[in-house]
Amino acid sequence: MIAFVSGPVAALAPTLAVIEVGGVGMAVQCTPNTIAGLRMGETARLATSLVVREDSLTLYGFADDDERQVFELLQTASGVGPRLAQAMLGVHSPDALRLAVSTGDEKSLTAVPGIGKKGAQKLLLELKDKLGSPLVGAQRAPVAAGPAPWTEQLAAALIGLGYASREAEEAVTAVTPQAEAAIAAGGSAPVPQLLRAALQTLNRTR
């Protein structure tokens, strides 16, 4: 098992980071939140989980060991593969997931793309005794006024990809209607798709 990778960040994409390890570029699948914390050329350390399939070897990367552990525990639930587990961590922090499961918060789980009401109910039952309790002081994400979490994630990811703050803000504004439409339809802002759309907007203006 590859427990972690450490080295300079050689490339960044919306959901992928390439970390140079001993002269080899390791492609690591990451959530937008994790991508947002990386900078081109700077040394990074990512906890990793290797998923082996008959036709592929995929390395998933995380900001810390706790996030990786939750990623692996989520996959013990039936119907949850690595992509859905990563999507869950793209929307919620590990402690937010623990809180949602421990309190039976179905709505928080249905905020994840790909999880419907029945799926959320099933996950709450299967994960109840697996994720454990939230860390002391864990709280629900505030629903108060202010910048939406997706806007902060998106702006940070764009800055991590090398864009200036002003460019990032303009790109976030450009894709806001798309995000609001997704939220109005009863879902959540799909950050990876919004990041791709924002990058297309920036490429057109350059």
N, C-alpha and C. Protein backbone atom coordinates (compact mmCIF):
# COMPACT_ATOMS: atom_id res chain seq x y z
N MET A 1 0.84 -1.20 0.00
CA MET A 1 0.00 0.00 0.00
C MET A 1 0.87 1.25 0.00
N ILE A 2 0.47 2.25 -0.76
CA ILE A 2 1.16 3.53 -0.77
C ILE A 2 0.45 4.43 0.24
N ALA A 3 1.05 4.65 1.41
CA ALA A 3 0.39 5.38 2.49
C ALA A 3 0.38 6.89 2.26
N PHE A 4 1.43 7.39 1.59
CA PHE A 4 1.46 8.82 1.29
C PHE A 4 2.46 9.08 0.17
N VAL A 5 2.33 10.24 -0.45
CA VAL A 5 3.32 10.70 -1.42
C VAL A 5 3.76 12.09 -0.99
N SER A 6 5.03 12.39 -1.21
CA SER A 6 5.56 13.68 -0.83
C SER A 6 6.55 14.15 -1.88
N GLY A 7 6.41 15.40 -2.30
CA GLY A 7 7.31 15.93 -3.30
C GLY A 7 6.74 17.20 -3.93
N PRO A 8 7.46 17.78 -4.87
CA PRO A 8 6.98 19.00 -5.52
C PRO A 8 5.72 18.73 -6.35
N VAL A 9 4.83 19.71 -6.38
CA VAL A 9 3.62 19.60 -7.20
C VAL A 9 4.01 19.93 -8.65
N ALA A 10 3.90 18.93 -9.52
CA ALA A 10 4.32 19.10 -10.92
C ALA A 10 3.19 19.58 -11.82
N ALA A 11 1.94 19.25 -11.46
CA ALA A 11 0.80 19.65 -12.29
C ALA A 11 -0.47 19.61 -11.45
N LEU A 12 -1.41 20.45 -11.83
CA LEU A 12 -2.70 20.49 -11.15
C LEU A 12 -3.82 20.56 -12.17
N ALA A 13 -4.90 19.83 -11.91
CA ALA A 13 -6.11 19.87 -12.72
C ALA A 13 -7.28 19.93 -11.74
N PRO A 14 -8.52 20.10 -12.23
CA PRO A 14 -9.65 20.23 -11.31
C PRO A 14 -9.77 19.15 -10.26
N THR A 15 -9.47 17.90 -10.61
CA THR A 15 -9.58 16.81 -9.63
C THR A 15 -8.34 15.92 -9.61
N LEU A 16 -7.21 16.45 -10.10
CA LEU A 16 -6.00 15.63 -10.20
C LEU A 16 -4.76 16.46 -9.86
N ALA A 17 -3.87 15.87 -9.08
CA ALA A 17 -2.57 16.49 -8.81
C ALA A 17 -1.48 15.51 -9.22
N VAL A 18 -0.40 16.03 -9.78
CA VAL A 18 0.75 15.20 -10.10
C VAL A 18 1.87 15.60 -9.16
N ILE A 19 2.30 14.65 -8.32
CA ILE A 19 3.36 14.89 -7.35
C ILE A 19 4.62 14.17 -7.82
N GLU A 20 5.73 14.91 -7.90
CA GLU A 20 6.99 14.30 -8.34
C GLU A 20 7.64 13.58 -7.16
N VAL A 21 7.79 12.27 -7.30
CA VAL A 21 8.39 11.46 -6.24
C VAL A 21 9.57 10.69 -6.83
N GLY A 22 10.77 11.07 -6.46
CA GLY A 22 11.96 10.38 -6.97
C GLY A 22 12.07 10.42 -8.47
N GLY A 23 11.70 11.53 -9.07
CA GLY A 23 11.79 11.67 -10.52
C GLY A 23 10.62 11.08 -11.28
N VAL A 24 9.62 10.55 -10.55
CA VAL A 24 8.44 9.96 -11.18
C VAL A 24 7.21 10.80 -10.82
N GLY A 25 6.38 11.09 -11.81
CA GLY A 25 5.16 11.86 -11.56
C GLY A 25 4.03 10.95 -11.13
N MET A 26 3.58 11.08 -9.90
CA MET A 26 2.48 10.26 -9.38
C MET A 26 1.17 11.02 -9.55
N ALA A 27 0.26 10.48 -10.36
CA ALA A 27 -1.05 11.11 -10.57
C ALA A 27 -1.98 10.71 -9.43
N VAL A 28 -2.50 11.70 -8.74
CA VAL A 28 -3.32 11.46 -7.56
C VAL A 28 -4.68 12.14 -7.72
N GLN A 29 -5.75 11.36 -7.59
CA GLN A 29 -7.10 11.90 -7.65
C GLN A 29 -7.42 12.60 -6.32
N CYS A 30 -7.88 13.86 -6.39
CA CYS A 30 -8.14 14.63 -5.18
C CYS A 30 -9.46 15.37 -5.28
N THR A 31 -10.01 15.75 -4.12
CA THR A 31 -11.20 16.60 -4.11
C THR A 31 -10.77 18.04 -4.40
N PRO A 32 -11.70 18.90 -4.84
CA PRO A 32 -11.35 20.31 -5.07
C PRO A 32 -10.77 20.97 -3.83
N ASN A 33 -11.25 20.58 -2.64
CA ASN A 33 -10.72 21.15 -1.40
C ASN A 33 -9.23 20.84 -1.24
N THR A 34 -8.85 19.61 -1.54
CA THR A 34 -7.45 19.23 -1.43
C THR A 34 -6.61 19.94 -2.49
N ILE A 35 -7.14 20.00 -3.71
CA ILE A 35 -6.45 20.72 -4.79
C ILE A 35 -6.21 22.17 -4.40
N ALA A 36 -7.20 22.77 -3.74
CA ALA A 36 -7.11 24.18 -3.37
C ALA A 36 -5.94 24.46 -2.42
N GLY A 37 -5.52 23.44 -1.69
CA GLY A 37 -4.42 23.63 -0.74
C GLY A 37 -3.04 23.41 -1.34
N LEU A 38 -2.98 23.08 -2.63
CA LEU A 38 -1.71 22.80 -3.29
C LEU A 38 -1.27 23.98 -4.15
N ARG A 39 0.03 24.11 -4.35
CA ARG A 39 0.59 25.17 -5.18
C ARG A 39 1.63 24.58 -6.11
N MET A 40 1.59 24.97 -7.35
CA MET A 40 2.56 24.48 -8.34
C MET A 40 3.98 24.74 -7.87
N GLY A 41 4.83 23.71 -7.95
CA GLY A 41 6.23 23.86 -7.61
C GLY A 41 6.55 23.72 -6.14
N GLU A 42 5.55 23.82 -5.27
CA GLU A 42 5.79 23.70 -3.84
C GLU A 42 5.68 22.23 -3.40
N THR A 43 6.41 21.89 -2.36
CA THR A 43 6.38 20.52 -1.85
C THR A 43 5.07 20.25 -1.12
N ALA A 44 4.48 19.12 -1.41
CA ALA A 44 3.21 18.74 -0.78
C ALA A 44 3.32 17.31 -0.25
N ARG A 45 2.55 17.03 0.79
CA ARG A 45 2.46 15.66 1.31
C ARG A 45 0.99 15.28 1.37
N LEU A 46 0.64 14.24 0.64
CA LEU A 46 -0.75 13.79 0.60
C LEU A 46 -0.85 12.36 1.13
N ALA A 47 -1.77 12.15 2.08
CA ALA A 47 -2.10 10.78 2.48
C ALA A 47 -2.80 10.14 1.29
N THR A 48 -2.54 8.87 1.03
CA THR A 48 -3.09 8.25 -0.18
C THR A 48 -3.72 6.89 0.10
N SER A 49 -4.61 6.51 -0.81
CA SER A 49 -5.24 5.20 -0.77
C SER A 49 -5.22 4.65 -2.19
N LEU A 50 -4.63 3.49 -2.37
CA LEU A 50 -4.53 2.88 -3.69
C LEU A 50 -5.72 1.95 -3.93
N VAL A 51 -6.45 2.22 -4.99
CA VAL A 51 -7.61 1.39 -5.34
C VAL A 51 -7.23 0.54 -6.55
N VAL A 52 -7.27 -0.77 -6.36
CA VAL A 52 -6.84 -1.71 -7.41
C VAL A 52 -8.06 -2.32 -8.09
N ARG A 53 -8.09 -2.21 -9.40
CA ARG A 53 -9.13 -2.85 -10.21
C ARG A 53 -8.45 -3.73 -11.25
N GLU A 54 -9.21 -4.58 -11.90
CA GLU A 54 -8.63 -5.49 -12.89
C GLU A 54 -7.90 -4.73 -13.99
N ASP A 55 -8.45 -3.57 -14.36
CA ASP A 55 -7.87 -2.84 -15.48
C ASP A 55 -7.24 -1.51 -15.09
N SER A 56 -7.09 -1.26 -13.79
CA SER A 56 -6.52 0.03 -13.40
C SER A 56 -5.98 0.04 -11.98
N LEU A 57 -5.06 0.96 -11.74
CA LEU A 57 -4.55 1.27 -10.41
C LEU A 57 -4.75 2.77 -10.23
N THR A 58 -5.57 3.15 -9.27
CA THR A 58 -5.88 4.57 -9.07
C THR A 58 -5.48 4.99 -7.67
N LEU A 59 -4.72 6.08 -7.61
CA LEU A 59 -4.26 6.60 -6.33
C LEU A 59 -5.11 7.82 -5.95
N TYR A 60 -5.74 7.75 -4.79
CA TYR A 60 -6.57 8.85 -4.28
C TYR A 60 -5.79 9.57 -3.19
N GLY A 61 -5.81 10.90 -3.23
CA GLY A 61 -5.03 11.68 -2.28
C GLY A 61 -5.89 12.52 -1.35
N PHE A 62 -5.38 12.73 -0.12
CA PHE A 62 -6.14 13.44 0.91
C PHE A 62 -5.24 14.38 1.70
N ALA A 63 -5.87 15.39 2.27
CA ALA A 63 -5.12 16.39 3.02
C ALA A 63 -4.48 15.80 4.27
N ASP A 64 -5.11 14.78 4.86
CA ASP A 64 -4.55 14.17 6.08
C ASP A 64 -5.01 12.72 6.20
N ASP A 65 -4.47 12.04 7.22
CA ASP A 65 -4.77 10.62 7.42
C ASP A 65 -6.23 10.39 7.82
N ASP A 66 -6.81 11.35 8.54
CA ASP A 66 -8.20 11.20 8.97
C ASP A 66 -9.13 11.14 7.76
N GLU A 67 -8.88 12.02 6.79
CA GLU A 67 -9.71 12.04 5.59
C GLU A 67 -9.58 10.73 4.81
N ARG A 68 -8.35 10.21 4.74
CA ARG A 68 -8.15 8.93 4.06
C ARG A 68 -8.89 7.80 4.77
N GLN A 69 -8.83 7.80 6.10
CA GLN A 69 -9.50 6.75 6.86
C GLN A 69 -11.01 6.78 6.62
N VAL A 70 -11.60 7.97 6.62
CA VAL A 70 -13.03 8.08 6.37
C VAL A 70 -13.36 7.62 4.95
N PHE A 71 -12.50 7.99 3.98
CA PHE A 71 -12.67 7.55 2.59
C PHE A 71 -12.76 6.03 2.52
N GLU A 72 -11.88 5.34 3.23
CA GLU A 72 -11.86 3.88 3.19
C GLU A 72 -13.04 3.28 3.95
N LEU A 73 -13.44 3.91 5.06
CA LEU A 73 -14.59 3.41 5.82
C LEU A 73 -15.89 3.58 5.03
N LEU A 74 -16.01 4.67 4.30
CA LEU A 74 -17.23 4.89 3.51
C LEU A 74 -17.45 3.77 2.51
N GLN A 75 -16.35 3.22 1.99
CA GLN A 75 -16.46 2.17 0.97
C GLN A 75 -16.87 0.82 1.54
N THR A 76 -16.95 0.73 2.87
CA THR A 76 -17.44 -0.52 3.46
C THR A 76 -18.96 -0.60 3.37
N ALA A 77 -19.60 0.50 3.02
CA ALA A 77 -21.06 0.50 2.83
C ALA A 77 -21.37 -0.01 1.42
N SER A 78 -22.41 -0.82 1.28
CA SER A 78 -22.75 -1.37 -0.03
C SER A 78 -23.12 -0.26 -0.99
N GLY A 79 -22.61 -0.37 -2.19
CA GLY A 79 -22.93 0.61 -3.23
C GLY A 79 -22.03 1.83 -3.23
N VAL A 80 -21.09 1.91 -2.29
CA VAL A 80 -20.18 3.06 -2.24
C VAL A 80 -18.81 2.65 -2.77
N GLY A 81 -18.45 3.19 -3.92
CA GLY A 81 -17.14 2.96 -4.49
C GLY A 81 -16.24 4.17 -4.22
N PRO A 82 -15.02 4.13 -4.71
CA PRO A 82 -14.09 5.24 -4.43
C PRO A 82 -14.56 6.58 -4.96
N ARG A 83 -15.22 6.60 -6.11
CA ARG A 83 -15.65 7.89 -6.67
C ARG A 83 -16.74 8.52 -5.83
N LEU A 84 -17.70 7.72 -5.37
CA LEU A 84 -18.76 8.27 -4.53
C LEU A 84 -18.20 8.67 -3.16
N ALA A 85 -17.28 7.88 -2.64
CA ALA A 85 -16.67 8.23 -1.35
C ALA A 85 -15.92 9.55 -1.47
N GLN A 86 -15.23 9.74 -2.59
CA GLN A 86 -14.51 10.99 -2.80
C GLN A 86 -15.49 12.16 -2.97
N ALA A 87 -16.60 11.90 -3.66
CA ALA A 87 -17.61 12.94 -3.84
C ALA A 87 -18.18 13.37 -2.48
N MET A 88 -18.37 12.41 -1.58
CA MET A 88 -18.88 12.72 -0.24
C MET A 88 -17.90 13.62 0.51
N LEU A 89 -16.61 13.33 0.36
CA LEU A 89 -15.60 14.15 1.02
C LEU A 89 -15.38 15.47 0.29
N GLY A 90 -15.82 15.54 -0.96
CA GLY A 90 -15.75 16.81 -1.68
C GLY A 90 -16.81 17.79 -1.21
N VAL A 91 -17.89 17.26 -0.65
CA VAL A 91 -18.99 18.10 -0.16
C VAL A 91 -18.88 18.33 1.35
N HIS A 92 -18.47 17.29 2.09
CA HIS A 92 -18.43 17.37 3.55
C HIS A 92 -17.04 17.01 4.09
N SER A 93 -16.65 17.64 5.16
CA SER A 93 -15.41 17.26 5.86
C SER A 93 -15.65 15.93 6.58
N PRO A 94 -14.58 15.25 6.99
CA PRO A 94 -14.77 14.00 7.73
C PRO A 94 -15.68 14.16 8.95
N ASP A 95 -15.48 15.23 9.73
CA ASP A 95 -16.30 15.41 10.92
C ASP A 95 -17.74 15.76 10.56
N ALA A 96 -17.95 16.48 9.46
CA ALA A 96 -19.32 16.78 9.04
C ALA A 96 -20.04 15.50 8.67
N LEU A 97 -19.33 14.55 8.06
CA LEU A 97 -19.93 13.26 7.73
C LEU A 97 -20.22 12.46 8.99
N ARG A 98 -19.29 12.50 9.95
CA ARG A 98 -19.54 11.80 11.21
C ARG A 98 -20.78 12.37 11.91
N LEU A 99 -20.88 13.69 11.88
CA LEU A 99 -22.01 14.35 12.53
C LEU A 99 -23.31 13.99 11.83
N ALA A 100 -23.29 13.99 10.49
CA ALA A 100 -24.49 13.67 9.73
C ALA A 100 -24.96 12.24 10.03
N VAL A 101 -24.01 11.31 10.06
CA VAL A 101 -24.36 9.91 10.31
C VAL A 101 -24.82 9.70 11.75
N SER A 102 -24.13 10.31 12.70
CA SER A 102 -24.47 10.11 14.11
C SER A 102 -25.81 10.73 14.48
N THR A 103 -26.23 11.77 13.73
CA THR A 103 -27.51 12.43 14.03
C THR A 103 -28.61 12.03 13.05
N GLY A 104 -28.30 11.13 12.10
CA GLY A 104 -29.31 10.70 11.14
C GLY A 104 -29.72 11.81 10.18
N ASP A 105 -28.76 12.67 9.84
CA ASP A 105 -29.05 13.83 8.98
C ASP A 105 -29.08 13.42 7.51
N GLU A 106 -30.25 13.00 7.08
CA GLU A 106 -30.44 12.53 5.71
C GLU A 106 -30.19 13.64 4.68
N LYS A 107 -30.60 14.85 5.02
CA LYS A 107 -30.49 15.97 4.08
C LYS A 107 -29.04 16.26 3.71
N SER A 108 -28.13 16.14 4.68
CA SER A 108 -26.72 16.40 4.40
C SER A 108 -26.17 15.40 3.39
N LEU A 109 -26.59 14.15 3.50
CA LEU A 109 -26.09 13.13 2.57
C LEU A 109 -26.67 13.32 1.17
N THR A 110 -27.92 13.74 1.08
CA THR A 110 -28.52 13.93 -0.25
C THR A 110 -27.94 15.17 -0.94
N ALA A 111 -27.16 15.98 -0.21
CA ALA A 111 -26.49 17.12 -0.84
C ALA A 111 -25.33 16.65 -1.72
N VAL A 112 -24.94 15.38 -1.56
CA VAL A 112 -23.85 14.82 -2.37
C VAL A 112 -24.41 14.33 -3.71
N PRO A 113 -23.85 14.80 -4.83
CA PRO A 113 -24.31 14.31 -6.13
C PRO A 113 -24.23 12.79 -6.21
N GLY A 114 -25.32 12.16 -6.62
CA GLY A 114 -25.33 10.71 -6.75
C GLY A 114 -25.98 9.99 -5.59
N ILE A 115 -26.37 10.73 -4.53
CA ILE A 115 -27.03 10.11 -3.39
C ILE A 115 -28.46 10.65 -3.28
N GLY A 116 -29.43 9.78 -3.46
CA GLY A 116 -30.83 10.16 -3.32
C GLY A 116 -31.34 9.86 -1.93
N LYS A 117 -32.62 10.05 -1.72
CA LYS A 117 -33.21 9.88 -0.39
C LYS A 117 -33.06 8.45 0.11
N LYS A 118 -33.40 7.47 -0.73
CA LYS A 118 -33.30 6.07 -0.30
C LYS A 118 -31.85 5.68 -0.05
N GLY A 119 -30.96 6.17 -0.91
CA GLY A 119 -29.54 5.87 -0.73
C GLY A 119 -29.01 6.45 0.57
N ALA A 120 -29.46 7.67 0.90
CA ALA A 120 -29.03 8.31 2.14
C ALA A 120 -29.51 7.52 3.35
N GLN A 121 -30.75 7.06 3.30
CA GLN A 121 -31.30 6.28 4.42
C GLN A 121 -30.50 4.98 4.61
N LYS A 122 -30.15 4.36 3.52
CA LYS A 122 -29.38 3.11 3.58
C LYS A 122 -27.98 3.36 4.16
N LEU A 123 -27.36 4.46 3.71
CA LEU A 123 -26.02 4.79 4.20
C LEU A 123 -26.02 5.10 5.69
N LEU A 124 -27.07 5.80 6.14
CA LEU A 124 -27.16 6.13 7.56
C LEU A 124 -27.21 4.86 8.41
N LEU A 125 -27.91 3.86 7.92
CA LEU A 125 -28.00 2.59 8.65
C LEU A 125 -26.68 1.84 8.64
N GLU A 126 -26.05 1.79 7.48
CA GLU A 126 -24.83 0.99 7.34
C GLU A 126 -23.61 1.64 7.99
N LEU A 127 -23.58 2.97 8.01
CA LEU A 127 -22.39 3.65 8.51
C LEU A 127 -22.49 4.06 9.98
N LYS A 128 -23.66 3.86 10.57
CA LYS A 128 -23.91 4.36 11.92
C LYS A 128 -22.84 3.98 12.93
N ASP A 129 -22.39 2.75 12.89
CA ASP A 129 -21.41 2.28 13.88
C ASP A 129 -19.99 2.20 13.33
N LYS A 130 -19.76 2.82 12.17
CA LYS A 130 -18.45 2.69 11.53
C LYS A 130 -17.60 3.96 11.57
N LEU A 131 -18.23 5.11 11.40
CA LEU A 131 -17.46 6.36 11.31
C LEU A 131 -17.05 6.91 12.66
N GLY A 132 -17.78 6.55 13.71
CA GLY A 132 -17.46 7.07 15.03
C GLY A 132 -18.09 8.44 15.25
N SER A 133 -17.78 9.03 16.39
CA SER A 133 -18.36 10.32 16.76
C SER A 133 -17.49 11.45 16.24
N PRO A 134 -18.10 12.64 16.01
CA PRO A 134 -17.32 13.80 15.59
C PRO A 134 -16.32 14.18 16.67
N LEU A 135 -15.24 14.83 16.26
CA LEU A 135 -14.27 15.30 17.24
C LEU A 135 -14.90 16.37 18.12
N VAL A 136 -14.36 16.58 19.29
CA VAL A 136 -14.90 17.56 20.22
C VAL A 136 -14.91 18.94 19.56
N GLY A 137 -16.03 19.62 19.67
CA GLY A 137 -16.13 20.96 19.11
C GLY A 137 -16.63 20.98 17.69
N ALA A 138 -16.87 19.79 17.09
CA ALA A 138 -17.37 19.77 15.71
C ALA A 138 -18.76 20.37 15.66
N GLN A 139 -19.00 21.16 14.66
CA GLN A 139 -20.29 21.82 14.50
C GLN A 139 -20.77 21.67 13.07
N ARG A 140 -22.04 21.85 12.88
CA ARG A 140 -22.58 21.85 11.53
C ARG A 140 -22.08 23.08 10.79
N ALA A 141 -21.93 22.93 9.50
CA ALA A 141 -21.53 24.09 8.70
C ALA A 141 -22.62 25.14 8.79
N PRO A 142 -22.25 26.39 9.05
CA PRO A 142 -23.26 27.43 9.20
C PRO A 142 -24.04 27.66 7.91
N VAL A 143 -25.30 27.96 8.07
CA VAL A 143 -26.14 28.23 6.91
C VAL A 143 -26.43 29.73 6.85
N ALA A 144 -25.63 30.49 7.57
CA ALA A 144 -25.87 31.93 7.65
C ALA A 144 -25.45 32.62 6.37
N ALA A 145 -25.76 33.91 6.30
CA ALA A 145 -25.41 34.69 5.12
C ALA A 145 -23.90 34.78 5.01
N GLY A 146 -23.42 35.08 3.83
CA GLY A 146 -21.99 35.19 3.59
C GLY A 146 -21.64 34.37 2.36
N PRO A 147 -20.37 34.35 1.99
CA PRO A 147 -19.97 33.60 0.80
C PRO A 147 -20.35 32.13 0.93
N ALA A 148 -20.95 31.58 -0.09
CA ALA A 148 -21.31 30.17 -0.07
C ALA A 148 -20.03 29.33 -0.06
N PRO A 149 -20.04 28.19 0.63
CA PRO A 149 -18.83 27.36 0.68
C PRO A 149 -18.28 27.03 -0.70
N TRP A 150 -19.17 26.81 -1.66
CA TRP A 150 -18.68 26.43 -2.99
C TRP A 150 -17.89 27.57 -3.63
N THR A 151 -18.25 28.81 -3.34
CA THR A 151 -17.51 29.94 -3.93
C THR A 151 -16.10 29.99 -3.36
N GLU A 152 -15.97 29.71 -2.08
CA GLU A 152 -14.65 29.72 -1.46
C GLU A 152 -13.80 28.57 -2.00
N GLN A 153 -14.41 27.40 -2.14
CA GLN A 153 -13.69 26.24 -2.68
C GLN A 153 -13.20 26.53 -4.09
N LEU A 154 -14.09 27.08 -4.89
CA LEU A 154 -13.78 27.32 -6.30
C LEU A 154 -12.68 28.37 -6.43
N ALA A 155 -12.81 29.46 -5.69
CA ALA A 155 -11.80 30.53 -5.77
C ALA A 155 -10.43 30.02 -5.31
N ALA A 156 -10.42 29.25 -4.21
CA ALA A 156 -9.15 28.71 -3.71
C ALA A 156 -8.51 27.75 -4.71
N ALA A 157 -9.35 26.94 -5.36
CA ALA A 157 -8.83 25.99 -6.35
C ALA A 157 -8.22 26.73 -7.54
N LEU A 158 -8.86 27.80 -7.99
CA LEU A 158 -8.35 28.58 -9.12
C LEU A 158 -7.04 29.27 -8.77
N ILE A 159 -6.97 29.81 -7.55
CA ILE A 159 -5.72 30.44 -7.11
C ILE A 159 -4.61 29.40 -7.01
N GLY A 160 -4.98 28.20 -6.54
CA GLY A 160 -4.01 27.11 -6.47
C GLY A 160 -3.48 26.71 -7.84
N LEU A 161 -4.31 26.90 -8.86
CA LEU A 161 -3.90 26.59 -10.24
C LEU A 161 -3.09 27.71 -10.87
N GLY A 162 -2.87 28.80 -10.11
CA GLY A 162 -2.00 29.87 -10.60
C GLY A 162 -2.68 31.14 -11.04
N TYR A 163 -4.00 31.23 -10.93
CA TYR A 163 -4.71 32.43 -11.34
C TYR A 163 -4.69 33.48 -10.23
N ALA A 164 -4.76 34.74 -10.63
CA ALA A 164 -4.78 35.84 -9.67
C ALA A 164 -6.13 35.88 -8.97
N SER A 165 -6.17 36.51 -7.80
CA SER A 165 -7.42 36.59 -7.03
C SER A 165 -8.52 37.26 -7.84
N ARG A 166 -8.17 38.31 -8.57
CA ARG A 166 -9.17 39.02 -9.37
C ARG A 166 -9.74 38.11 -10.45
N GLU A 167 -8.87 37.34 -11.12
CA GLU A 167 -9.34 36.41 -12.16
C GLU A 167 -10.24 35.35 -11.55
N ALA A 168 -9.85 34.86 -10.38
CA ALA A 168 -10.65 33.83 -9.71
C ALA A 168 -12.04 34.36 -9.36
N GLU A 169 -12.10 35.58 -8.85
CA GLU A 169 -13.38 36.18 -8.48
C GLU A 169 -14.28 36.35 -9.71
N GLU A 170 -13.69 36.80 -10.82
CA GLU A 170 -14.46 36.99 -12.05
C GLU A 170 -14.99 35.66 -12.57
N ALA A 171 -14.17 34.62 -12.48
CA ALA A 171 -14.59 33.29 -12.95
C ALA A 171 -15.71 32.74 -12.08
N VAL A 172 -15.61 32.96 -10.77
CA VAL A 172 -16.67 32.50 -9.85
C VAL A 172 -17.98 33.20 -10.19
N THR A 173 -17.90 34.49 -10.44
CA THR A 173 -19.10 35.25 -10.81
C THR A 173 -19.72 34.71 -12.10
N ALA A 174 -18.85 34.33 -13.05
CA ALA A 174 -19.33 33.86 -14.35
C ALA A 174 -20.10 32.55 -14.25
N VAL A 175 -19.71 31.69 -13.31
CA VAL A 175 -20.36 30.38 -13.21
C VAL A 175 -21.43 30.34 -12.11
N THR A 176 -21.64 31.46 -11.42
CA THR A 176 -22.64 31.50 -10.34
C THR A 176 -24.04 31.10 -10.82
N PRO A 177 -24.51 31.58 -12.00
CA PRO A 177 -25.85 31.14 -12.45
C PRO A 177 -25.96 29.62 -12.57
N GLN A 178 -24.89 28.97 -13.04
CA GLN A 178 -24.90 27.51 -13.18
C GLN A 178 -25.02 26.85 -11.81
N ALA A 179 -24.30 27.39 -10.83
CA ALA A 179 -24.36 26.83 -9.47
C ALA A 179 -25.74 27.05 -8.85
N GLU A 180 -26.30 28.26 -9.03
CA GLU A 180 -27.60 28.56 -8.46
C GLU A 180 -28.69 27.69 -9.06
N ALA A 181 -28.55 27.37 -10.35
CA ALA A 181 -29.53 26.50 -11.00
C ALA A 181 -29.49 25.10 -10.40
N ALA A 182 -28.28 24.61 -10.12
CA ALA A 182 -28.14 23.28 -9.52
C ALA A 182 -28.74 23.25 -8.12
N ILE A 183 -28.49 24.31 -7.35
CA ILE A 183 -29.02 24.40 -5.98
C ILE A 183 -30.54 24.51 -6.01
N ALA A 184 -31.06 25.31 -6.95
CA ALA A 184 -32.51 25.49 -7.05
C ALA A 184 -33.22 24.19 -7.42
N ALA A 185 -32.50 23.31 -8.13
CA ALA A 185 -33.07 22.02 -8.53
C ALA A 185 -33.06 21.01 -7.39
N GLY A 186 -32.60 21.48 -6.22
CA GLY A 186 -32.60 20.60 -5.06
C GLY A 186 -31.30 19.90 -4.78
N GLY A 187 -30.27 20.25 -5.53
CA GLY A 187 -28.98 19.61 -5.32
C GLY A 187 -28.00 20.55 -4.65
N SER A 188 -26.72 20.32 -4.89
CA SER A 188 -25.69 21.19 -4.35
C SER A 188 -24.83 21.68 -5.51
N ALA A 189 -24.03 22.70 -5.25
CA ALA A 189 -23.17 23.24 -6.30
C ALA A 189 -22.11 22.20 -6.66
N PRO A 190 -22.08 21.71 -7.91
CA PRO A 190 -21.10 20.69 -8.31
C PRO A 190 -19.73 21.32 -8.57
N VAL A 191 -18.91 21.40 -7.53
CA VAL A 191 -17.65 22.14 -7.61
C VAL A 191 -16.73 21.66 -8.75
N PRO A 192 -16.51 20.35 -8.94
CA PRO A 192 -15.63 19.94 -10.05
C PRO A 192 -16.11 20.44 -11.41
N GLN A 193 -17.43 20.33 -11.67
CA GLN A 193 -17.96 20.81 -12.94
C GLN A 193 -17.86 22.33 -13.05
N LEU A 194 -18.10 23.01 -11.94
CA LEU A 194 -18.00 24.47 -11.93
C LEU A 194 -16.56 24.90 -12.17
N LEU A 195 -15.61 24.13 -11.63
CA LEU A 195 -14.20 24.46 -11.83
C LEU A 195 -13.83 24.34 -13.30
N ARG A 196 -14.33 23.29 -13.95
CA ARG A 196 -14.05 23.14 -15.38
C ARG A 196 -14.64 24.31 -16.17
N ALA A 197 -15.89 24.68 -15.83
CA ALA A 197 -16.54 25.79 -16.52
C ALA A 197 -15.79 27.10 -16.28
N ALA A 198 -15.31 27.29 -15.05
CA ALA A 198 -14.57 28.51 -14.73
C ALA A 198 -13.26 28.57 -15.52
N LEU A 199 -12.60 27.43 -15.65
CA LEU A 199 -11.34 27.39 -16.42
C LEU A 199 -11.59 27.72 -17.89
N GLN A 200 -12.71 27.23 -18.43
CA GLN A 200 -13.05 27.56 -19.82
C GLN A 200 -13.27 29.06 -19.98
N THR A 201 -13.94 29.67 -19.00
CA THR A 201 -14.17 31.11 -19.02
C THR A 201 -12.85 31.87 -19.00
N LEU A 202 -11.94 31.45 -18.15
CA LEU A 202 -10.64 32.13 -18.05
C LEU A 202 -9.81 31.95 -19.31
N ASN A 203 -9.87 30.77 -19.91
CA ASN A 203 -9.12 30.54 -21.15
C ASN A 203 -9.63 31.41 -22.29
N ARG A 204 -10.94 31.69 -22.30
CA ARG A 204 -11.51 32.54 -23.35
C ARG A 204 -11.09 33.98 -23.19
N THR A 205 -10.86 34.42 -21.95
CA THR A 205 -10.52 35.82 -21.72
C THR A 205 -9.03 36.11 -21.81
N ARG A 206 -8.25 35.07 -21.95
CA ARG A 206 -6.79 35.28 -22.03
C ARG A 206 -6.30 35.37 -23.48
